[in-house]
Protein backbone atom coordinates (compact mmCIF):
# COMPACT_ATOMS: atom_id res chain seq x y z
CA MET A 1 -17.89 8.21 18.46
CA PRO A 2 -14.22 8.16 19.42
CA ILE A 3 -12.18 4.96 19.25
CA ILE A 4 -9.92 4.78 22.27
CA TRP A 5 -7.07 2.28 22.45
CA VAL A 6 -4.32 2.23 25.08
CA ASN A 7 -5.61 5.52 26.54
CA LYS A 8 -5.35 7.36 23.21
CA ILE A 9 -7.96 8.38 20.69
CA VAL A 10 -6.93 6.46 17.57
CA GLY A 11 -9.96 7.11 15.40
CA ARG A 12 -13.65 7.69 15.19
CA LEU A 13 -16.70 6.04 13.76
CA ASP A 14 -20.34 6.79 13.15
CA PRO A 15 -22.34 3.58 13.77
CA LYS A 16 -25.96 3.06 12.79
CA VAL A 17 -28.04 -0.03 13.51
CA ASP A 18 -30.82 -0.97 11.12
CA ARG A 19 -32.94 -3.36 13.14
CA LYS A 20 -35.13 -4.37 10.19
CA SER A 21 -32.21 -5.65 8.14
CA CYS A 22 -30.09 -6.64 11.19
CA THR A 23 -27.21 -4.55 9.84
CA LEU A 24 -24.60 -2.41 11.52
CA THR A 25 -23.56 0.36 9.16
CA LEU A 26 -20.42 2.36 9.79
CA ALA A 27 -21.31 5.62 8.10
CA ASN A 28 -17.80 6.95 8.64
CA LEU A 29 -14.65 5.26 9.89
CA GLU A 30 -11.30 6.95 10.37
CA LEU A 31 -8.26 5.46 12.08
CA SER A 32 -4.83 6.89 12.73
CA LEU A 33 -2.59 4.07 13.89
CA THR A 34 1.12 3.51 13.70
CA LYS A 35 2.31 0.41 11.85
CA LYS A 36 3.56 -0.93 15.17
CA ASP A 37 0.12 -0.65 16.83
CA GLU A 38 -2.02 -1.49 13.82
CA GLY A 39 -2.29 -5.27 14.27
CA ASP A 40 -3.18 -5.28 17.97
CA ALA A 41 -5.46 -2.26 17.71
CA LEU A 42 -7.39 -3.68 14.75
CA ASP A 43 -7.85 -6.97 16.63
CA ALA A 44 -9.27 -5.05 19.60
CA ILE A 45 -11.53 -2.94 17.38
CA ARG A 46 -12.79 -6.06 15.58
CA GLU A 47 -13.62 -7.69 18.94
CA GLU A 48 -15.55 -4.63 20.11
CA LEU A 49 -17.45 -4.33 16.82
CA THR A 50 -18.39 -8.00 17.12
CA ALA A 51 -19.63 -7.49 20.69
CA PHE A 52 -21.57 -4.40 19.56
CA MET A 53 -23.17 -6.42 16.75
CA VAL A 54 -24.12 -9.26 19.09
CA PHE A 55 -25.64 -6.83 21.60
CA HIS A 56 -27.73 -5.18 18.86
CA GLU A 57 -28.52 -8.51 17.14
CA CYS A 58 -26.83 -7.47 13.88
CA GLU A 59 -25.87 -10.12 11.35
CA ARG A 60 -24.11 -7.92 8.79
CA LEU A 61 -21.52 -5.15 8.82
CA GLU A 62 -21.50 -2.51 6.09
CA PHE A 63 -19.20 0.42 5.46
CA LYS A 64 -20.43 3.68 3.92
CA ARG A 65 -17.27 5.78 4.07
CA THR A 66 -13.71 5.13 5.04
CA LYS A 67 -10.45 6.59 3.85
CA SER A 68 -8.96 3.12 3.45
CA SER A 69 -10.64 0.27 1.64
CA ARG A 70 -8.03 -1.91 3.34
CA LEU A 71 -9.84 -1.29 6.66
CA LYS A 72 -12.94 -2.98 5.30
CA VAL A 73 -10.97 -6.14 4.67
CA LEU A 74 -9.08 -6.01 7.97
CA LEU A 75 -12.21 -5.51 10.07
CA HIS A 76 -14.42 -8.12 8.44
């Protein structure tokens, strides 16, 4: 799925919901943000992931693959 922020595609992710374990797994997450946009964009992405998790009744967020382990910390 594309991640669109301020009318630009800034990344993509592959979400999977495991209803039995109430977990949202991001099988792949890639972002291409400028340093200037990073803070605001990550805040917006975090908000949308939280809303997605609430909608699907997920209690946990897991990452399978990402090019930056720093993203895991920033999005939790």
